[in-house]
C-alpha atoms as a PDB file:
ATOM      1  CA  MET A   1     -10.605-107.729   7.079  1.00  0.00           C
ATOM      2  CA  LYS A   2      -7.886-106.347   9.123  1.00  0.00           C
ATOM      3  CA  ILE A   3      -6.028-108.644  11.800  1.00  0.00           C
ATOM      4  CA  SER A   4      -6.005-106.651  15.036  1.00  0.00           C
ATOM      5  CA  THR A   5      -2.629-105.860  17.452  1.00  0.00           C
ATOM      6  CA  LYS A   6      -4.107-109.004  19.369  1.00  0.00           C
ATOM      7  CA  GLY A   7      -3.657-111.529  16.344  1.00  0.00           C
ATOM      8  CA  ARG A   8      -0.576-109.726  14.680  1.00  0.00           C
ATOM      9  CA  TYR A   9       1.197-109.732  18.188  1.00  0.00           C
ATOM     10  CA  GLY A  10       0.004-113.365  19.282  1.00  0.00           C
ATOM     11  CA  VAL A  11       1.805-114.434  15.806  1.00  0.00           C
ATOM     12  CA  ARG A  12       4.934-112.847  16.845  1.00  0.00           C
ATOM     13  CA  PHE A  13       4.915-114.281  20.406  1.00  0.00           C
ATOM     14  CA  LEU A  14       4.372-117.763  19.347  1.00  0.00           C
ATOM     15  CA  ILE A  15       7.103-117.583  16.661  1.00  0.00           C
ATOM     16  CA  ASP A  16       9.338-115.801  19.718  1.00  0.00           C
ATOM     17  CA  VAL A  17       8.604-118.748  21.977  1.00  0.00           C
ATOM     18  CA  ALA A  18       9.440-121.522  18.914  1.00  0.00           C
ATOM     19  CA  GLU A  19      12.606-119.648  17.816  1.00  0.00           C
ATOM     20  CA  GLN A  20      13.768-120.470  21.542  1.00  0.00           C
ATOM     21  CA  GLY A  21      13.447-124.000  20.829  1.00  0.00           C
ATOM     22  CA  MET A  22      10.934-126.733  22.725  1.00  0.00           C
ATOM     23  CA  ASP A  23      12.940-127.109  25.494  1.00  0.00           C
ATOM     24  CA  THR A  24      13.583-123.601  26.428  1.00  0.00           C
ATOM     25  CA  HIS A  25      11.540-121.202  28.423  1.00  0.00           C
ATOM     26  CA  THR A  26      11.448-117.412  27.633  1.00  0.00           C
ATOM     27  CA  THR A  27      10.226-115.356  30.149  1.00  0.00           C
ATOM     28  CA  LEU A  28       7.436-112.801  29.085  1.00  0.00           C
ATOM     29  CA  SER A  29       9.954-109.894  29.830  1.00  0.00           C
ATOM     30  CA  GLU A  30      12.077-111.272  27.643  1.00  0.00           C
ATOM     31  CA  ILE A  31       9.760-111.503  24.613  1.00  0.00           C
ATOM     32  CA  SER A  32       8.432-108.456  25.286  1.00  0.00           C
ATOM     33  CA  LYS A  33      11.988-106.393  24.819  1.00  0.00           C
ATOM     34  CA  ARG A  34      12.667-108.383  21.391  1.00  0.00           C
ATOM     35  CA  GLN A  35       9.630-107.883  20.079  1.00  0.00           C
ATOM     36  CA  ASN A  36       9.170-104.381  21.528  1.00  0.00           C
ATOM     37  CA  ILE A  37       5.590-104.912  22.827  1.00  0.00           C
ATOM     38  CA  SER A  38       4.565-103.875  26.022  1.00  0.00           C
ATOM     39  CA  SER A  39       4.679-106.595  28.520  1.00  0.00           C
ATOM     40  CA  ALA A  40       1.230-105.918  30.238  1.00  0.00           C
ATOM     41  CA  TYR A  41      -0.553-106.275  26.250  1.00  0.00           C
ATOM     42  CA  LEU A  42       1.678-109.894  25.858  1.00  0.00           C
ATOM     43  CA  GLY A  43       0.588-111.196  28.833  1.00  0.00           C
ATOM     44  CA  GLN A  44      -3.371-110.834  28.325  1.00  0.00           C
ATOM     45  CA  ILE A  45      -2.134-112.301  24.983  1.00  0.00           C
ATOM     46  CA  ALA A  46      -0.234-114.893  26.473  1.00  0.00           C
ATOM     47  CA  GLY A  47      -3.628-116.352  28.613  1.00  0.00           C
ATOM     48  CA  SER A  48      -5.142-116.388  25.281  1.00  0.00           C
ATOM     49  CA  LEU A  49      -2.679-118.279  23.963  1.00  0.00           C
ATOM     50  CA  LYS A  50      -2.288-120.504  26.438  1.00  0.00           C
ATOM     51  CA  ARG A  51      -6.225-121.375  27.224  1.00  0.00           C
ATOM     52  CA  ALA A  52      -6.122-122.440  23.436  1.00  0.00           C
ATOM     53  CA  GLY A  53      -3.482-124.877  24.241  1.00  0.00           C
ATOM     54  CA  TYR A  54      -0.531-123.330  22.242  1.00  0.00           C
ATOM     55  CA  ILE A  55       1.781-122.455  25.377  1.00  0.00           C
ATOM     56  CA  ARG A  56       2.406-123.545  28.597  1.00  0.00           C
ATOM     57  CA  SER A  57       4.004-121.883  31.382  1.00  0.00           C
ATOM     58  CA  ILE A  58       6.141-122.636  34.037  1.00  0.00           C
ATOM     59  CA  LYS A  59       6.293-120.790  36.987  1.00  0.00           C
ATOM     60  CA  GLY A  60       9.675-119.869  39.333  1.00  0.00           C
ATOM     61  CA  SER A  61      13.384-118.617  38.535  1.00  0.00           C
ATOM     62  CA  ASN A  62      13.922-120.803  35.528  1.00  0.00           C
ATOM     63  CA  GLY A  63      10.136-120.692  34.613  1.00  0.00           C
ATOM     64  CA  GLY A  64       8.569-119.298  31.350  1.00  0.00           C
ATOM     65  CA  PHE A  65       6.900-120.190  28.138  1.00  0.00           C
ATOM     66  CA  THR A  66       7.910-122.542  25.739  1.00  0.00           C
ATOM     67  CA  LEU A  67       4.982-124.358  22.964  1.00  0.00           C
ATOM     68  CA  ALA A  68       2.397-126.711  24.195  1.00  0.00           C
ATOM     69  CA  LYS A  69       3.157-128.494  20.492  1.00  0.00           C
ATOM     70  CA  PRO A  70       5.424-128.728  17.686  1.00  0.00           C
ATOM     71  CA  PRO A  71       5.720-125.763  15.342  1.00  0.00           C
ATOM     72  CA  HIS A  72       4.416-128.005  12.275  1.00  0.00           C
ATOM     73  CA  GLU A  73       1.119-128.600  14.133  1.00  0.00           C
ATOM     74  CA  ILE A  74       0.166-125.294  15.100  1.00  0.00           C
ATOM     75  CA  GLN A  75      -2.031-123.654  12.060  1.00  0.00           C
ATOM     76  CA  LEU A  76      -1.764-120.330  11.916  1.00  0.00           C
ATOM     77  CA  ARG A  77      -5.760-120.488  10.723  1.00  0.00           C
ATOM     78  CA  GLU A  78      -6.795-122.101  13.942  1.00  0.00           C
ATOM     79  CA  VAL A  79      -4.357-119.463  16.140  1.00  0.00           C
ATOM     80  CA  LEU A  80      -5.834-116.506  14.329  1.00  0.00           C
ATOM     81  CA  HIS A  81      -9.728-117.853  14.857  1.00  0.00           C
ATOM     82  CA  SER A  82      -8.691-118.507  18.482  1.00  0.00           C
ATOM     83  CA  LEU A  83      -7.368-114.683  18.636  1.00  0.00           C
ATOM     84  CA  GLU A  84      -9.776-112.997  16.534  1.00  0.00           C
ATOM     85  CA  GLY A  85     -12.694-115.250  16.178  1.00  0.00           C
ATOM     86  CA  ASP A  86     -14.494-115.091  12.736  1.00  0.00           C
ATOM     87  CA  LEU A  87     -12.079-113.849   9.979  1.00  0.00           C
ATOM     88  CA  THR A  88     -14.273-113.549   7.538  1.00  0.00           C
ATOM     89  CA  ILE A  89     -14.327-109.734   5.839  1.00  0.00           C
ATOM     90  CA  VAL A  90     -18.395-109.578   5.404  1.00  0.00           C
ATOM     91  CA  ASP A  91     -21.066-111.078   7.613  1.00  0.00           C
ATOM     92  CA  PRO A  92     -23.596-113.374   5.920  1.00  0.00           C
ATOM     93  CA  PRO A  93     -26.995-111.905   5.251  1.00  0.00           C
ATOM     94  CA  ILE A  94     -29.931-112.467   8.115  1.00  0.00           C
ATOM     95  CA  SER A  95     -32.137-113.540   5.569  1.00  0.00           C
ATOM     96  CA  THR A  96     -30.814-114.351   1.911  1.00  0.00           C
ATOM     97  CA  GLU A  97     -34.813-113.068   0.916  1.00  0.00           C
ATOM     98  CA  GLU A  98     -34.078-109.424   2.073  1.00  0.00           C
ATOM     99  CA  GLU A  99     -30.820-109.888  -0.104  1.00  0.00           C
ATOM    100  CA  SER A 100     -31.010-107.660  -3.371  1.00  0.00           C
ATOM    101  CA  LEU A 101     -29.270-109.900  -6.393  1.00  0.00           C
ATOM    102  CA  TYR A 102     -26.688-107.120  -7.051  1.00  0.00           C
ATOM    103  CA  ARG A 103     -25.844-107.735  -3.339  1.00  0.00           C
ATOM    104  CA  ARG A 104     -25.946-111.436  -3.366  1.00  0.00           C
ATOM    105  CA  ALA A 105     -23.658-111.313  -6.537  1.00  0.00           C
ATOM    106  CA  ILE A 106     -21.103-108.603  -4.650  1.00  0.00           C
ATOM    107  CA  ARG A 107     -21.241-110.819  -1.737  1.00  0.00           C
ATOM    108  CA  ILE A 108     -20.889-114.444  -3.690  1.00  0.00           C
ATOM    109  CA  GLY A 109     -18.712-113.274  -6.563  1.00  0.00           C
ATOM    110  CA  LEU A 110     -15.958-111.188  -4.685  1.00  0.00           C
ATOM    111  CA  TYR A 111     -16.385-111.682  -0.668  1.00  0.00           C
ATOM    112  CA  GLN A 112     -16.961-115.304  -0.573  1.00  0.00           C
ATOM    113  CA  LYS A 113     -13.789-115.748  -2.830  1.00  0.00           C
ATOM    114  CA  ILE A 114     -11.922-113.548  -0.784  1.00  0.00           C
ATOM    115  CA  ASP A 115     -12.981-115.363   2.178  1.00  0.00           C
ATOM    116  CA  GLU A 116     -11.713-118.814   0.419  1.00  0.00           C
ATOM    117  CA  ALA A 117      -8.821-117.552  -0.260  1.00  0.00           C
ATOM    118  CA  VAL A 118      -7.601-116.434   2.880  1.00  0.00           C
ATOM    119  CA  ALA A 119      -9.005-119.642   4.483  1.00  0.00           C
ATOM    120  CA  GLN A 120      -6.895-121.785   2.138  1.00  0.00           C
ATOM    121  CA  THR A 121      -3.854-119.792   2.458  1.00  0.00           C
ATOM    122  CA  LEU A 122      -4.011-119.883   6.504  1.00  0.00           C
ATOM    123  CA  GLU A 123      -4.921-123.585   6.136  1.00  0.00           C
ATOM    124  CA  VAL A 124      -1.531-124.618   4.918  1.00  0.00           C
ATOM    125  CA  MET A 125       0.616-122.484   7.072  1.00  0.00           C
ATOM    126  CA  THR A 126       1.612-123.597  10.420  1.00  0.00           C
ATOM    127  CA  LEU A 127       4.308-121.874  13.005  1.00  0.00           C
ATOM    128  CA  ASP A 128       6.647-123.883  11.404  1.00  0.00           C
ATOM    129  CA  SER A 129       6.439-122.641   7.692  1.00  0.00           C
ATOM    130  CA  LEU A 130       6.720-119.068   8.823  1.00  0.00           C
ATOM    131  CA  LEU A 131      10.122-119.936  10.794  1.00  0.00           C
ATOM    132  CA  ARG A 132      11.640-121.801   8.041  1.00  0.00           C
ATOM    133  CA  HIS A 133      10.630-118.724   5.699  1.00  0.00           C
ATOM    134  CA  GLY A 134      11.898-116.479   8.570  1.00  0.00           C
ATOM    135  CA  ARG A 135      14.875-118.429   8.184  1.00  0.00           C
ATOM    136  CA  LEU A 136      15.378-117.887   4.449  1.00  0.00           C
ATOM    137  CA  LEU A 137      14.806-114.221   4.384  1.00  0.00           C
ATOM    138  CA  HIS A 138      17.543-114.213   7.285  1.00  0.00           C
ATOM    139  CA  SER A 139      19.936-116.452   4.911  1.00  0.00           C
ATOM    140  CA  VAL A 140      19.460-114.432   2.117  1.00  0.00           C
ATOM    141  CA  HIS A 141      19.584-111.113   4.079  1.00  0.00           C
ATOM    142  CA  ASN A 142      22.854-112.108   5.363  1.00  0.00           C
ATOM    143  CA  VAL A 143      24.866-113.150   1.753  1.00  0.00           C
ATOM    144  CA  ALA A 144      23.309-109.888   0.361  1.00  0.00           C
ATOM    145  CA  ALA A 145      25.086-107.988   2.905  1.00  0.00           C
ATOM    146  CA  LEU A 146      28.418-110.183   2.512  1.00  0.00           C
ATOM    147  CA  ARG A 147      28.342-109.412  -1.429  1.00  0.00           C
ATOM    148  CA  SER A 148      28.136-105.498  -0.597  1.00  0.00           C
ATOM    149  CA  GLN A 149      31.049-105.578   1.297  1.00  0.00           C
END
């Protein structure tokens, strides 16, 4: 399984909007510059995120995007599913009768376990947990920079 640019950029879009705060609107142009992503492509992603209920937009001179719900309520599993669709690494067999025992063993013993591990990881991750992790990394980086001076 490889998460496409749509999924990766969608998560970056949400993090960028979340970092601005729930009461602040940020424009597509500002997000595009900060994330170094084409504003045309971000516009498509914003449409998907808006339809899925993760962001809302305000038109006008003070407009832009803001989160539609708090970061702790936005599960990354749901975000990626809305942008990517099915997150499994292999499709299930059309018919288990046509599946050999070895193929079934590989599917259940390997692929299904990978799918379960990915699902469990994404189930507990929220936008808020990513924000906290980013802030922690930023703090560690700043402390290391101070020590090296």
